[in-house]
PDB file of N, CA and C in Angstrom:
ATOM      1  N   MET A   1     -44.495  22.352 -25.167  1.00  0.00           N
ATOM      2  CA  MET A   1     -43.610  22.430 -26.442  1.00  0.00           C
ATOM      3  C   MET A   1     -42.384  23.287 -26.337  1.00  0.00           C
ATOM      4  N   ILE A   2     -41.224  22.430 -26.794  1.00  0.00           N
ATOM      5  CA  ILE A   2     -39.849  23.124 -26.664  1.00  0.00           C
ATOM      6  C   ILE A   2     -39.429  23.471 -27.961  1.00  0.00           C
ATOM      7  N   VAL A   3     -38.945  24.826 -28.127  1.00  0.00           N
ATOM      8  CA  VAL A   3     -38.380  25.093 -29.483  1.00  0.00           C
ATOM      9  C   VAL A   3     -37.029  25.513 -29.100  1.00  0.00           C
ATOM     10  N   TYR A   4     -35.991  25.208 -30.187  1.00  0.00           N
ATOM     11  CA  TYR A   4     -34.580  25.290 -30.270  1.00  0.00           C
ATOM     12  C   TYR A   4     -34.275  26.479 -31.269  1.00  0.00           C
ATOM     13  N   ILE A   5     -33.487  27.431 -30.696  1.00  0.00           N
ATOM     14  CA  ILE A   5     -33.100  28.791 -31.742  1.00  0.00           C
ATOM     15  C   ILE A   5     -31.751  28.808 -31.662  1.00  0.00           C
ATOM     16  N   ALA A   6     -31.246  28.777 -33.112  1.00  0.00           N
ATOM     17  CA  ALA A   6     -29.903  29.020 -33.071  1.00  0.00           C
ATOM     18  C   ALA A   6     -29.578  30.375 -33.296  1.00  0.00           C
ATOM     19  N   ASP A   7     -28.862  30.960 -32.214  1.00  0.00           N
ATOM     20  CA  ASP A   7     -28.647  32.420 -32.022  1.00  0.00           C
ATOM     21  C   ASP A   7     -27.456  32.936 -32.044  1.00  0.00           C
ATOM     22  N   GLY A   8     -26.557  32.645 -33.084  1.00  0.00           N
ATOM     23  CA  GLY A   8     -25.231  32.915 -33.320  1.00  0.00           C
ATOM     24  C   GLY A   8     -24.152  32.926 -32.043  1.00  0.00           C
ATOM     25  N   ALA A   9     -23.838  34.058 -31.438  1.00  0.00           N
ATOM     26  CA  ALA A   9     -22.653  34.119 -30.492  1.00  0.00           C
ATOM     27  C   ALA A   9     -23.398  33.858 -29.347  1.00  0.00           C
ATOM     28  N   SER A  10     -24.620  33.677 -29.225  1.00  0.00           N
ATOM     29  CA  SER A  10     -25.427  33.611 -27.845  1.00  0.00           C
ATOM     30  C   SER A  10     -25.640  32.066 -27.914  1.00  0.00           C
ATOM     31  N   GLY A  11     -25.334  31.430 -28.674  1.00  0.00           N
ATOM     32  CA  GLY A  11     -25.526  29.902 -28.665  1.00  0.00           C
ATOM     33  C   GLY A  11     -27.059  29.339 -29.186  1.00  0.00           C
ATOM     34  N   LEU A  12     -27.201  28.151 -28.638  1.00  0.00           N
ATOM     35  CA  LEU A  12     -28.559  27.758 -28.907  1.00  0.00           C
ATOM     36  C   LEU A  12     -29.345  28.180 -27.779  1.00  0.00           C
ATOM     37  N   GLN A  13     -30.567  28.625 -28.109  1.00  0.00           N
ATOM     38  CA  GLN A  13     -31.772  28.855 -26.983  1.00  0.00           C
ATOM     39  C   GLN A  13     -32.723  27.747 -26.851  1.00  0.00           C
ATOM     40  N   ILE A  14     -32.879  27.529 -25.760  1.00  0.00           N
ATOM     41  CA  ILE A  14     -34.008  26.432 -25.493  1.00  0.00           C
ATOM     42  C   ILE A  14     -35.197  27.248 -24.928  1.00  0.00           C
ATOM     43  N   ILE A  15     -36.351  27.100 -25.442  1.00  0.00           N
ATOM     44  CA  ILE A  15     -37.375  27.825 -25.055  1.00  0.00           C
ATOM     45  C   ILE A  15     -38.768  26.899 -24.847  1.00  0.00           C
ATOM     46  N   ASP A  16     -39.461  27.192 -23.696  1.00  0.00           N
ATOM     47  CA  ASP A  16     -40.721  26.503 -23.683  1.00  0.00           C
ATOM     48  C   ASP A  16     -41.789  27.383 -24.047  1.00  0.00           C
ATOM     49  N   VAL A  17     -42.436  26.836 -25.257  1.00  0.00           N
ATOM     50  CA  VAL A  17     -43.763  27.651 -25.529  1.00  0.00           C
ATOM     51  C   VAL A  17     -44.921  27.174 -25.588  1.00  0.00           C
ATOM     52  N   SER A  18     -45.180  26.297 -24.482  1.00  0.00           N
ATOM     53  CA  SER A  18     -46.436  25.729 -24.250  1.00  0.00           C
ATOM     54  C   SER A  18     -47.365  26.595 -24.354  1.00  0.00           C
ATOM     55  N   ASP A  19     -47.133  27.848 -23.689  1.00  0.00           N
ATOM     56  CA  ASP A  19     -48.244  28.868 -23.906  1.00  0.00           C
ATOM     57  C   ASP A  19     -47.441  29.815 -24.564  1.00  0.00           C
ATOM     58  N   PRO A  20     -47.753  29.862 -25.871  1.00  0.00           N
ATOM     59  CA  PRO A  20     -47.131  31.024 -26.749  1.00  0.00           C
ATOM     60  C   PRO A  20     -47.205  32.500 -26.452  1.00  0.00           C
ATOM     61  N   TYR A  21     -48.071  32.641 -25.363  1.00  0.00           N
ATOM     62  CA  TYR A  21     -48.235  34.295 -25.068  1.00  0.00           C
ATOM     63  C   TYR A  21     -47.308  34.593 -23.678  1.00  0.00           C
ATOM     64  N   PHE A  22     -46.538  33.297 -23.159  1.00  0.00           N
ATOM     65  CA  PHE A  22     -45.584  33.556 -22.014  1.00  0.00           C
ATOM     66  C   PHE A  22     -44.726  32.256 -22.284  1.00  0.00           C
ATOM     67  N   PRO A  23     -43.849  32.722 -23.600  1.00  0.00           N
ATOM     68  CA  PRO A  23     -42.553  31.722 -23.494  1.00  0.00           C
ATOM     69  C   PRO A  23     -41.707  31.758 -22.378  1.00  0.00           C
ATOM     70  N   VAL A  24     -40.867  30.777 -22.042  1.00  0.00           N
ATOM     71  CA  VAL A  24     -40.259  30.709 -20.907  1.00  0.00           C
ATOM     72  C   VAL A  24     -38.763  30.281 -21.353  1.00  0.00           C
ATOM     73  N   PHE A  25     -37.861  31.005 -21.018  1.00  0.00           N
ATOM     74  CA  PHE A  25     -36.507  30.713 -21.378  1.00  0.00           C
ATOM     75  C   PHE A  25     -35.940  29.417 -20.414  1.00  0.00           C
ATOM     76  N   LEU A  26     -35.460  28.362 -20.978  1.00  0.00           N
ATOM     77  CA  LEU A  26     -35.101  27.185 -20.073  1.00  0.00           C
ATOM     78  C   LEU A  26     -33.843  27.265 -19.855  1.00  0.00           C
ATOM     79  N   ASP A  27     -32.819  27.279 -21.080  1.00  0.00           N
ATOM     80  CA  ASP A  27     -31.474  27.004 -20.870  1.00  0.00           C
ATOM     81  C   ASP A  27     -30.720  27.533 -22.311  1.00  0.00           C
ATOM     82  N   SER A  28     -29.697  27.505 -22.410  1.00  0.00           N
ATOM     83  CA  SER A  28     -28.825  27.725 -23.732  1.00  0.00           C
ATOM     84  C   SER A  28     -27.657  26.844 -23.698  1.00  0.00           C
ATOM     85  N   ILE A  29     -27.259  26.430 -24.809  1.00  0.00           N
ATOM     86  CA  ILE A  29     -26.159  25.782 -25.243  1.00  0.00           C
ATOM     87  C   ILE A  29     -25.068  26.495 -26.027  1.00  0.00           C
ATOM     88  N   ASN A  30     -23.780  26.536 -25.562  1.00  0.00           N
ATOM     89  CA  ASN A  30     -22.762  27.196 -26.418  1.00  0.00           C
ATOM     90  C   ASN A  30     -21.504  26.245 -25.966  1.00  0.00           C
ATOM     91  N   PRO A  31     -21.089  25.516 -26.869  1.00  0.00           N
ATOM     92  CA  PRO A  31     -20.033  24.420 -26.637  1.00  0.00           C
ATOM     93  C   PRO A  31     -19.006  25.108 -26.447  1.00  0.00           C
ATOM     94  N   HIS A  32     -18.326  26.291 -26.972  1.00  0.00           N
ATOM     95  CA  HIS A  32     -17.063  26.977 -26.554  1.00  0.00           C
ATOM     96  C   HIS A  32     -17.554  28.233 -26.318  1.00  0.00           C
ATOM     97  N   PRO A  33     -16.332  29.216 -25.548  1.00  0.00           N
ATOM     98  CA  PRO A  33     -16.749  30.471 -25.239  1.00  0.00           C
ATOM     99  C   PRO A  33     -16.789  31.369 -26.253  1.00  0.00           C
ATOM    100  N   ASN A  34     -16.291  31.149 -27.537  1.00  0.00           N
ATOM    101  CA  ASN A  34     -16.554  31.861 -28.626  1.00  0.00           C
ATOM    102  C   ASN A  34     -17.426  31.042 -29.757  1.00  0.00           C
ATOM    103  N   SER A  35     -18.339  30.175 -29.509  1.00  0.00           N
ATOM    104  CA  SER A  35     -19.050  29.667 -30.232  1.00  0.00           C
ATOM    105  C   SER A  35     -19.983  30.427 -31.441  1.00  0.00           C
ATOM    106  N   LYS A  36     -20.240  30.033 -32.461  1.00  0.00           N
ATOM    107  CA  LYS A  36     -21.400  30.869 -33.178  1.00  0.00           C
ATOM    108  C   LYS A  36     -22.237  29.763 -33.874  1.00  0.00           C
ATOM    109  N   ILE A  37     -23.444  29.601 -33.377  1.00  0.00           N
ATOM    110  CA  ILE A  37     -24.345  28.666 -33.318  1.00  0.00           C
ATOM    111  C   ILE A  37     -25.249  29.271 -34.419  1.00  0.00           C
ATOM    112  N   GLU A  38     -25.144  28.677 -35.905  1.00  0.00           N
ATOM    113  CA  GLU A  38     -25.832  29.301 -37.049  1.00  0.00           C
ATOM    114  C   GLU A  38     -27.100  28.376 -37.437  1.00  0.00           C
ATOM    115  N   LYS A  39     -26.868  27.198 -37.176  1.00  0.00           N
ATOM    116  CA  LYS A  39     -28.151  26.103 -37.598  1.00  0.00           C
ATOM    117  C   LYS A  39     -28.348  25.025 -36.476  1.00  0.00           C
ATOM    118  N   CYS A  40     -29.548  24.655 -36.538  1.00  0.00           N
ATOM    119  CA  CYS A  40     -29.993  23.367 -35.640  1.00  0.00           C
ATOM    120  C   CYS A  40     -30.840  22.694 -36.570  1.00  0.00           C
ATOM    121  N   ILE A  41     -30.897  21.188 -36.059  1.00  0.00           N
ATOM    122  CA  ILE A  41     -31.917  20.507 -36.659  1.00  0.00           C
ATOM    123  C   ILE A  41     -32.370  19.379 -35.604  1.00  0.00           C
ATOM    124  N   VAL A  42     -33.663  18.939 -35.641  1.00  0.00           N
ATOM    125  CA  VAL A  42     -34.277  18.156 -34.526  1.00  0.00           C
ATOM    126  C   VAL A  42     -34.390  16.885 -35.517  1.00  0.00           C
ATOM    127  N   HIS A  43     -34.195  15.569 -35.116  1.00  0.00           N
ATOM    128  CA  HIS A  43     -34.615  14.380 -35.840  1.00  0.00           C
ATOM    129  C   HIS A  43     -34.530  13.052 -34.777  1.00  0.00           C
ATOM    130  N   ASN A  44     -35.586  12.498 -34.778  1.00  0.00           N
ATOM    131  CA  ASN A  44     -35.648  11.180 -34.206  1.00  0.00           C
ATOM    132  C   ASN A  44     -34.989  11.431 -32.838  1.00  0.00           C
ATOM    133  N   GLU A  45     -35.488  12.449 -31.884  1.00  0.00           N
ATOM    134  CA  GLU A  45     -35.133  12.694 -30.583  1.00  0.00           C
ATOM    135  C   GLU A  45     -33.437  12.728 -30.426  1.00  0.00           C
ATOM    136  N   GLN A  46     -32.899  13.476 -31.687  1.00  0.00           N
ATOM    137  CA  GLN A  46     -31.704  13.734 -31.455  1.00  0.00           C
ATOM    138  C   GLN A  46     -31.649  15.535 -32.247  1.00  0.00           C
ATOM    139  N   LEU A  47     -30.629  16.166 -31.470  1.00  0.00           N
ATOM    140  CA  LEU A  47     -30.559  17.645 -31.602  1.00  0.00           C
ATOM    141  C   LEU A  47     -29.393  17.629 -32.175  1.00  0.00           C
ATOM    142  N   ILE A  48     -29.085  18.419 -33.320  1.00  0.00           N
ATOM    143  CA  ILE A  48     -27.855  18.532 -34.137  1.00  0.00           C
ATOM    144  C   ILE A  48     -27.547  20.009 -34.273  1.00  0.00           C
ATOM    145  N   ILE A  49     -26.425  20.572 -33.573  1.00  0.00           N
ATOM    146  CA  ILE A  49     -26.144  21.812 -33.884  1.00  0.00           C
ATOM    147  C   ILE A  49     -24.878  22.114 -34.598  1.00  0.00           C
ATOM    148  N   SER A  50     -24.806  23.546 -35.384  1.00  0.00           N
ATOM    149  CA  SER A  50     -23.742  23.599 -36.174  1.00  0.00           C
ATOM    150  C   SER A  50     -22.999  24.970 -35.604  1.00  0.00           C
ATOM    151  N   ASP A  51     -21.718  24.815 -35.335  1.00  0.00           N
ATOM    152  CA  ASP A  51     -20.741  25.703 -34.692  1.00  0.00           C
ATOM    153  C   ASP A  51     -19.722  26.167 -35.696  1.00  0.00           C
ATOM    154  N   THR A  52     -20.386  27.414 -36.512  1.00  0.00           N
ATOM    155  CA  THR A  52     -19.410  27.774 -37.552  1.00  0.00           C
ATOM    156  C   THR A  52     -18.091  28.515 -37.245  1.00  0.00           C
ATOM    157  N   ASN A  53     -17.740  28.834 -36.058  1.00  0.00           N
ATOM    158  CA  ASN A  53     -16.441  29.342 -35.497  1.00  0.00           C
ATOM    159  C   ASN A  53     -15.723  28.202 -35.208  1.00  0.00           C
ATOM    160  N   TRP A  54     -16.168  27.143 -34.941  1.00  0.00           N
ATOM    161  CA  TRP A  54     -15.145  25.900 -34.779  1.00  0.00           C
ATOM    162  C   TRP A  54     -15.402  24.772 -35.550  1.00  0.00           C
ATOM    163  N   ASN A  55     -16.368  25.055 -36.822  1.00  0.00           N
ATOM    164  CA  ASN A  55     -16.204  23.986 -37.800  1.00  0.00           C
ATOM    165  C   ASN A  55     -16.530  22.677 -37.213  1.00  0.00           C
ATOM    166  N   GLU A  56     -17.543  22.738 -36.001  1.00  0.00           N
ATOM    167  CA  GLU A  56     -18.234  21.300 -35.652  1.00  0.00           C
ATOM    168  C   GLU A  56     -19.427  21.391 -35.812  1.00  0.00           C
ATOM    169  N   LEU A  57     -20.003  19.859 -35.600  1.00  0.00           N
ATOM    170  CA  LEU A  57     -21.348  19.805 -35.330  1.00  0.00           C
ATOM    171  C   LEU A  57     -21.369  19.056 -34.151  1.00  0.00           C
ATOM    172  N   SER A  58     -22.530  19.532 -33.059  1.00  0.00           N
ATOM    173  CA  SER A  58     -22.643  18.627 -31.904  1.00  0.00           C
ATOM    174  C   SER A  58     -23.689  18.005 -32.009  1.00  0.00           C
ATOM    175  N   PHE A  59     -23.757  16.738 -31.264  1.00  0.00           N
ATOM    176  CA  PHE A  59     -25.053  15.865 -31.277  1.00  0.00           C
ATOM    177  C   PHE A  59     -25.454  15.891 -29.723  1.00  0.00           C
ATOM    178  N   TYR A  60     -26.721  15.930 -29.678  1.00  0.00           N
ATOM    179  CA  TYR A  60     -27.280  15.771 -28.447  1.00  0.00           C
ATOM    180  C   TYR A  60     -28.632  14.808 -28.490  1.00  0.00           C
ATOM    181  N   ASP A  61     -28.932  14.143 -27.387  1.00  0.00           N
ATOM    182  CA  ASP A  61     -29.888  13.461 -27.140  1.00  0.00           C
ATOM    183  C   ASP A  61     -31.112  14.001 -26.477  1.00  0.00           C
ATOM    184  N   LEU A  62     -32.281  14.038 -27.292  1.00  0.00           N
ATOM    185  CA  LEU A  62     -33.503  14.785 -26.584  1.00  0.00           C
ATOM    186  C   LEU A  62     -34.421  13.894 -25.889  1.00  0.00           C
ATOM    187  N   ILE A  63     -33.924  12.817 -24.938  1.00  0.00           N
ATOM    188  CA  ILE A  63     -35.101  12.035 -24.279  1.00  0.00           C
ATOM    189  C   ILE A  63     -35.547  13.056 -23.328  1.00  0.00           C
ATOM    190  N   ASN A  64     -35.078  13.907 -22.809  1.00  0.00           N
ATOM    191  CA  ASN A  64     -35.627  15.117 -22.169  1.00  0.00           C
ATOM    192  C   ASN A  64     -35.635  16.251 -22.943  1.00  0.00           C
ATOM    193  N   PRO A  65     -36.196  16.970 -23.866  1.00  0.00           N
ATOM    194  CA  PRO A  65     -36.134  17.960 -24.673  1.00  0.00           C
ATOM    195  C   PRO A  65     -35.977  19.242 -23.992  1.00  0.00           C
ATOM    196  N   ALA A  66     -36.081  19.358 -22.665  1.00  0.00           N
ATOM    197  CA  ALA A  66     -35.869  20.554 -22.014  1.00  0.00           C
ATOM    198  C   ALA A  66     -34.449  20.760 -21.501  1.00  0.00           C
ATOM    199  N   SER A  67     -33.532  19.333 -21.435  1.00  0.00           N
ATOM    200  CA  SER A  67     -32.403  19.340 -21.275  1.00  0.00           C
ATOM    201  C   SER A  67     -31.736  18.487 -21.999  1.00  0.00           C
ATOM    202  N   PRO A  68     -31.295  18.783 -23.092  1.00  0.00           N
ATOM    203  CA  PRO A  68     -30.704  17.836 -23.988  1.00  0.00           C
ATOM    204  C   PRO A  68     -29.391  17.441 -23.521  1.00  0.00           C
ATOM    205  N   ASP A  69     -29.030  15.969 -23.810  1.00  0.00           N
ATOM    206  CA  ASP A  69     -27.887  15.449 -23.106  1.00  0.00           C
ATOM    207  C   ASP A  69     -26.606  15.512 -24.245  1.00  0.00           C
ATOM    208  N   PHE A  70     -25.526  15.822 -23.976  1.00  0.00           N
ATOM    209  CA  PHE A  70     -24.673  15.914 -25.122  1.00  0.00           C
ATOM    210  C   PHE A  70     -24.137  14.400 -25.403  1.00  0.00           C
ATOM    211  N   VAL A  71     -23.920  14.179 -26.620  1.00  0.00           N
ATOM    212  CA  VAL A  71     -23.598  12.873 -27.086  1.00  0.00           C
ATOM    213  C   VAL A  71     -22.146  12.819 -27.716  1.00  0.00           C
ATOM    214  N   CYS A  72     -21.737  13.695 -28.551  1.00  0.00           N
ATOM    215  CA  CYS A  72     -20.581  13.707 -29.321  1.00  0.00           C
ATOM    216  C   CYS A  72     -20.376  14.885 -30.206  1.00  0.00           C
ATOM    217  N   ARG A  73     -19.250  14.965 -30.572  1.00  0.00           N
ATOM    218  CA  ARG A  73     -19.001  16.266 -31.405  1.00  0.00           C
ATOM    219  C   ARG A  73     -18.134  15.760 -32.679  1.00  0.00           C
ATOM    220  N   TYR A  74     -18.225  16.406 -33.851  1.00  0.00           N
ATOM    221  CA  TYR A  74     -17.666  16.014 -35.039  1.00  0.00           C
ATOM    222  C   TYR A  74     -17.186  17.330 -35.711  1.00  0.00           C
ATOM    223  N   SER A  75     -15.818  17.409 -35.766  1.00  0.00           N
ATOM    224  CA  SER A  75     -14.977  18.360 -36.444  1.00  0.00           C
ATOM    225  C   SER A  75     -14.498  17.981 -37.873  1.00  0.00           C
ATOM    226  N   TRP A  76     -14.576  19.003 -38.641  1.00  0.00           N
ATOM    227  CA  TRP A  76     -13.940  18.882 -39.735  1.00  0.00           C
ATOM    228  C   TRP A  76     -13.324  20.285 -40.386  1.00  0.00           C
ATOM    229  N   ASN A  77     -13.113  20.588 -41.592  1.00  0.00           N
ATOM    230  CA  ASN A  77     -12.307  21.712 -41.910  1.00  0.00           C
ATOM    231  C   ASN A  77     -13.327  22.743 -42.545  1.00  0.00           C
ATOM    232  N   LEU A  78     -14.325  22.566 -42.543  1.00  0.00           N
ATOM    233  CA  LEU A  78     -15.329  23.485 -43.277  1.00  0.00           C
ATOM    234  C   LEU A  78     -16.554  23.817 -42.457  1.00  0.00           C
ATOM    235  N   ALA A  79     -16.960  25.224 -42.563  1.00  0.00           N
ATOM    236  CA  ALA A  79     -18.159  25.561 -41.659  1.00  0.00           C
ATOM    237  C   ALA A  79     -19.650  24.722 -42.430  1.00  0.00           C
ATOM    238  N   THR A  80     -20.353  24.659 -41.528  1.00  0.00           N
ATOM    239  CA  THR A  80     -21.456  23.762 -42.072  1.00  0.00           C
ATOM    240  C   THR A  80     -22.866  24.978 -42.068  1.00  0.00           C
ATOM    241  N   ASP A  81     -22.894  25.390 -43.393  1.00  0.00           N
ATOM    242  CA  ASP A  81     -23.997  26.304 -43.710  1.00  0.00           C
ATOM    243  C   ASP A  81     -25.448  25.858 -43.604  1.00  0.00           C
ATOM    244  N   ASP A  82     -25.447  24.564 -43.887  1.00  0.00           N
ATOM    245  CA  ASP A  82     -26.987  24.136 -44.071  1.00  0.00           C
ATOM    246  C   ASP A  82     -26.901  22.716 -43.644  1.00  0.00           C
ATOM    247  N   MET A  83     -27.810  22.076 -43.141  1.00  0.00           N
ATOM    248  CA  MET A  83     -28.109  20.450 -42.782  1.00  0.00           C
ATOM    249  C   MET A  83     -29.329  20.076 -43.309  1.00  0.00           C
ATOM    250  N   VAL A  84     -29.407  18.833 -43.662  1.00  0.00           N
ATOM    251  CA  VAL A  84     -30.705  18.218 -43.907  1.00  0.00           C
ATOM    252  C   VAL A  84     -30.464  16.482 -43.618  1.00  0.00           C
ATOM    253  N   ILE A  85     -31.429  16.004 -43.176  1.00  0.00           N
ATOM    254  CA  ILE A  85     -31.542  14.617 -42.873  1.00  0.00           C
ATOM    255  C   ILE A  85     -32.367  13.746 -44.091  1.00  0.00           C
ATOM    256  N   GLN A  86     -31.896  13.017 -44.788  1.00  0.00           N
ATOM    257  CA  GLN A  86     -32.848  12.235 -45.649  1.00  0.00           C
ATOM    258  C   GLN A  86     -32.418  10.968 -45.676  1.00  0.00           C
ATOM    259  N   ASN A  87     -33.534   9.779 -45.591  1.00  0.00           N
ATOM    260  CA  ASN A  87     -33.199   8.480 -45.615  1.00  0.00           C
ATOM    261  C   ASN A  87     -32.266   8.146 -44.617  1.00  0.00           C
ATOM    262  N   GLY A  88     -32.203   8.820 -43.217  1.00  0.00           N
ATOM    263  CA  GLY A  88     -31.499   8.364 -42.075  1.00  0.00           C
ATOM    264  C   GLY A  88     -29.967   8.978 -42.312  1.00  0.00           C
ATOM    265  N   TYR A  89     -29.596   9.801 -43.506  1.00  0.00           N
ATOM    266  CA  TYR A  89     -28.588  10.268 -43.514  1.00  0.00           C
ATOM    267  C   TYR A  89     -28.462  11.828 -43.250  1.00  0.00           C
ATOM    268  N   LEU A  90     -27.455  12.407 -42.728  1.00  0.00           N
ATOM    269  CA  LEU A  90     -27.276  13.666 -42.326  1.00  0.00           C
ATOM    270  C   LEU A  90     -26.297  14.235 -43.571  1.00  0.00           C
ATOM    271  N   PHE A  91     -26.754  15.319 -44.033  1.00  0.00           N
ATOM    272  CA  PHE A  91     -26.125  15.896 -45.316  1.00  0.00           C
ATOM    273  C   PHE A  91     -25.800  17.223 -44.817  1.00  0.00           C
ATOM    274  N   THR A  92     -24.588  17.685 -45.220  1.00  0.00           N
ATOM    275  CA  THR A  92     -24.294  19.179 -44.712  1.00  0.00           C
ATOM    276  C   THR A  92     -23.816  19.905 -46.099  1.00  0.00           C
ATOM    277  N   GLY A  93     -23.750  21.214 -45.879  1.00  0.00           N
ATOM    278  CA  GLY A  93     -23.425  21.909 -46.906  1.00  0.00           C
ATOM    279  C   GLY A  93     -22.480  23.040 -46.586  1.00  0.00           C
ATOM    280  N   ASN A  94     -21.787  23.456 -47.401  1.00  0.00           N
ATOM    281  CA  ASN A  94     -20.936  24.651 -47.031  1.00  0.00           C
ATOM    282  C   ASN A  94     -21.204  25.736 -48.319  1.00  0.00           C
ATOM    283  N   GLY A  95     -21.107  27.046 -48.147  1.00  0.00           N
ATOM    284  CA  GLY A  95     -21.353  27.975 -48.909  1.00  0.00           C
ATOM    285  C   GLY A  95     -20.287  28.191 -50.108  1.00  0.00           C
ATOM    286  N   TYR A  96     -19.299  27.759 -49.814  1.00  0.00           N
ATOM    287  CA  TYR A  96     -18.109  27.886 -50.671  1.00  0.00           C
ATOM    288  C   TYR A  96     -17.967  26.517 -51.532  1.00  0.00           C
ATOM    289  N   TYR A  97     -17.970  25.423 -51.038  1.00  0.00           N
ATOM    290  CA  TYR A  97     -17.823  24.257 -51.657  1.00  0.00           C
ATOM    291  C   TYR A  97     -18.811  23.148 -51.806  1.00  0.00           C
ATOM    292  N   GLY A  98     -19.932  23.664 -51.312  1.00  0.00           N
ATOM    293  CA  GLY A  98     -21.225  22.967 -51.758  1.00  0.00           C
ATOM    294  C   GLY A  98     -21.421  21.927 -50.825  1.00  0.00           C
TER     295      GLY A  98
END
């Protein structure tokens, strides 16, 4: 079992917890040298991470969960403070503007 941890300035941590007594660090994702990864979500073999320093969402394919493949990046003018997927649509929230 793989877990993804949004770890702020350290990026997104990818950890194998198949044996919960001995978790194994596999890799990390940090899109930019000064990224701040605050949120991540997994849906239908896709990983989405939110970089609040760059106001970007990055999308990764999880065909191999231990090694996500970058698909695309979406930039906008607000930081994404929260994300949810409902009925196949990604909704994002910003703490100041909703």
